[in-house]
Protein backbone atom coordinates (compact mmCIF):
# COMPACT_ATOMS: atom_id res chain seq x y z
CA UNK A 1 96.59 208.23 117.63
CA UNK A 2 96.51 210.71 120.71
CA UNK A 3 93.46 209.22 122.06
CA UNK A 4 95.07 206.26 121.68
CA UNK A 5 98.21 207.30 123.31
CA UNK A 6 95.93 208.55 126.39
CA UNK A 7 93.93 205.39 126.62
CA UNK A 8 97.21 203.35 126.82
CA UNK A 9 98.48 205.46 129.14
CA UNK A 10 95.22 205.21 131.53
CA UNK A 11 95.72 201.73 131.36
CA UNK A 12 99.07 201.66 132.17
CA UNK A 13 98.72 204.07 135.06
CA UNK A 14 95.99 201.92 136.51
CA UNK A 15 97.80 198.46 136.20
CA UNK A 16 100.86 200.68 138.03
CA UNK A 17 98.14 201.12 141.07
CA UNK A 18 98.14 197.15 142.01
CA UNK A 19 102.26 197.23 141.87
CA UNK A 20 102.12 200.32 144.37
CA UNK A 21 99.41 198.97 146.58
CA UNK A 22 101.32 195.69 147.10
CA UNK A 23 104.79 196.83 147.32
CA UNK A 24 106.20 195.88 150.59
CA UNK A 25 108.36 199.32 150.95
CA UNK A 26 106.56 202.18 151.01
CA UNK A 27 108.98 204.81 151.33
CA UNK A 28 108.40 208.26 150.01
CA UNK A 29 110.56 210.44 147.74
CA UNK A 30 109.98 214.39 147.18
CA UNK A 31 111.51 214.60 143.76
CA UNK A 32 109.22 211.21 142.71
CA UNK A 33 106.47 212.96 144.58
CA UNK A 34 106.24 216.06 142.66
CA UNK A 35 106.92 214.49 138.89
CA UNK A 36 104.19 212.04 139.84
CA UNK A 37 101.97 214.63 141.34
CA UNK A 38 102.08 216.93 138.53
CA UNK A 39 101.84 214.36 135.69
CA UNK A 40 98.72 212.87 137.16
CA UNK A 41 97.05 216.00 137.31
CA UNK A 42 97.61 217.03 133.93
CA UNK A 43 96.51 213.38 133.28
CA UNK A 44 93.26 213.41 135.32
CA UNK A 45 92.35 217.04 134.37
CA UNK A 46 92.49 215.68 130.26
CA UNK A 47 91.04 212.41 131.15
CA UNK A 48 87.81 213.68 131.86
CA UNK A 49 87.15 211.14 134.39
CA UNK A 50 84.94 211.43 137.93
CA UNK A 51 88.26 210.05 139.76
CA UNK A 52 91.38 208.63 139.25
CA UNK A 53 94.33 206.96 141.00
CA UNK A 54 98.03 207.01 139.65
CA UNK A 55 101.30 205.46 141.26
CA UNK A 56 104.53 204.58 140.23
CA UNK A 57 107.27 202.35 142.14
CA UNK A 58 110.78 203.45 141.27
CA UNK A 59 113.18 200.93 143.52
CA UNK A 60 112.42 201.42 147.30
CA UNK A 61 110.31 204.37 146.45
CA UNK A 62 106.75 204.99 145.84
CA UNK A 63 104.38 207.59 145.07
CA UNK A 64 100.56 207.27 145.23
CA UNK A 65 97.99 210.14 144.72
CA UNK A 66 94.42 210.38 144.12
CA UNK A 67 91.93 212.78 141.82
CA UNK A 68 88.84 213.50 141.97
CA UNK A 69 86.26 211.52 143.75
CA UNK A 70 85.42 207.76 143.83
CA UNK A 71 81.93 208.33 142.63
CA UNK A 72 80.30 211.26 141.06
CA UNK A 73 79.43 213.97 144.29
CA UNK A 74 80.76 211.28 146.91
CA UNK A 75 83.35 213.81 148.18
CA UNK A 76 85.70 211.15 148.78
CA UNK A 77 89.12 211.36 146.99
CA UNK A 78 90.65 208.01 146.11
CA UNK A 79 93.71 206.76 147.35
CA UNK A 80 96.14 203.70 147.57
CA UNK A 81 93.30 201.58 149.39
CA UNK A 82 90.62 202.72 146.98
CA UNK A 83 89.38 199.23 145.41
CA UNK A 84 88.66 199.55 141.43
CA UNK A 85 87.94 197.32 138.69
CA UNK A 86 91.04 198.02 136.26
CA UNK A 87 89.50 195.96 133.37
CA UNK A 88 91.42 194.43 130.14
CA UNK A 89 94.64 195.37 132.00
CA UNK A 90 94.58 192.51 133.92
CA UNK A 91 95.05 190.16 131.15
CA UNK A 92 98.54 191.42 130.94
CA UNK A 93 99.08 190.80 134.74
CA UNK A 94 97.82 187.48 134.34
CA UNK A 95 99.31 186.53 131.62
CA UNK A 96 102.93 187.31 132.82
CA UNK A 97 102.19 185.72 136.11
CA UNK A 98 101.31 182.58 134.15
CA UNK A 99 104.22 182.59 132.15
CA UNK A 100 106.45 183.10 134.95
CA UNK A 101 105.00 180.00 136.87
CA UNK A 102 105.22 177.85 133.60
CA UNK A 103 108.96 178.95 133.44
CA UNK A 104 109.54 177.85 137.26
CA UNK A 105 107.68 174.89 136.62
CA UNK A 106 104.95 175.47 138.96
CA UNK A 107 102.28 174.77 136.26
CA UNK A 108 101.61 173.72 132.40
CA UNK A 109 100.28 175.60 130.03
CA UNK A 110 98.49 172.78 129.22
CA UNK A 111 97.44 171.83 132.89
CA UNK A 112 93.87 170.99 133.51
CA UNK A 113 92.16 174.04 135.26
CA UNK A 114 90.78 171.56 137.97
CA UNK A 115 94.42 170.81 138.88
CA UNK A 116 95.19 174.02 140.44
CA UNK A 117 91.32 175.24 141.69
CA UNK A 118 89.35 172.56 143.39
CA UNK A 119 85.78 174.13 143.79
CA UNK A 120 83.85 171.17 144.03
CA UNK A 121 82.09 171.28 140.54
CA UNK A 122 82.83 169.45 137.06
CA UNK A 123 84.55 172.25 135.02
CA UNK A 124 82.95 172.70 131.50
CA UNK A 125 84.82 171.28 128.59
CA UNK A 126 85.94 172.69 125.33
CA UNK A 127 86.71 170.95 121.97
CA UNK A 128 85.90 167.92 124.15
CA UNK A 129 88.86 168.20 126.77
CA UNK A 130 88.59 170.15 130.33
CA UNK A 131 89.68 173.74 129.99
CA UNK A 132 93.07 174.11 130.46
CA UNK A 133 95.46 177.09 131.81
CA UNK A 134 96.31 178.17 128.48
CA UNK A 135 92.40 178.14 127.26
CA UNK A 136 92.00 180.68 130.29
CA UNK A 137 94.99 182.58 129.37
CA UNK A 138 94.20 183.10 125.46
CA UNK A 139 90.33 183.65 126.21
CA UNK A 140 89.40 180.50 124.49
CA UNK A 141 87.53 178.52 127.13
CA UNK A 142 84.13 179.50 125.99
CA UNK A 143 83.07 180.96 129.14
CA UNK A 144 80.83 184.23 129.47
CA UNK A 145 82.60 187.76 129.93
CA UNK A 146 80.97 188.26 133.29
CA UNK A 147 80.10 186.19 136.27
CA UNK A 148 76.29 185.32 136.39
CA UNK A 149 75.19 187.04 139.91
CA UNK A 150 72.92 189.21 140.96
CA UNK A 151 74.19 192.90 141.29
CA UNK A 152 75.24 193.85 144.59
CA UNK A 153 74.63 197.27 145.98
CA UNK A 154 75.26 200.41 144.43
CA UNK A 155 78.28 201.24 146.73
CA UNK A 156 79.81 197.98 145.77
CA UNK A 157 78.06 196.39 142.38
CA UNK A 158 80.67 193.08 142.59
CA UNK A 159 79.76 192.08 145.96
CA UNK A 160 77.91 189.38 145.25
CA UNK A 161 80.67 187.70 143.00
CA UNK A 162 81.97 185.44 145.32
CA UNK A 163 83.71 181.79 145.05
CA UNK A 164 80.30 180.18 145.91
CA UNK A 165 78.84 182.41 143.28
CA UNK A 166 81.57 181.95 140.89
CA UNK A 167 81.26 177.80 141.54
CA UNK A 168 77.26 177.60 141.41
CA UNK A 169 77.57 179.85 137.82
CA UNK A 170 80.46 177.11 136.88
CA UNK A 171 78.23 174.35 137.45
């Protein structure tokens, strides 16, 4: 149970980083900084990871702290500008944004993907119909987990996953 709680907390912390980095108001509060900094230090030491960024947004206040290194031996402490792969927690954000757009009438769950994304390719079909937004959100589109692109350099392994590479792979 404790490990599940720690994993959930780590995922939530990683997700909050996106919110903090995109917040338009970047104000600081000493009490918020102290609370987040202290909790972050404990979480970092218990996590056993080479580096970590923790961020919290509370109203107009933000607190962003980095711990450890961006890569073992790099000597570079991560911060609110560090790019990182946050993995599966993106599904939560993507689903929330899609639900909001559907509620606002901007898109529909059953809209074909091609209605909203023009890559100049014919999209694959699922069950005899074009991939829909709901197919992507529920991971039922039948697409592989990773884009088929050659790995980038060690300092940026995802560099080659560009829109053009994605379109080529999808075709």
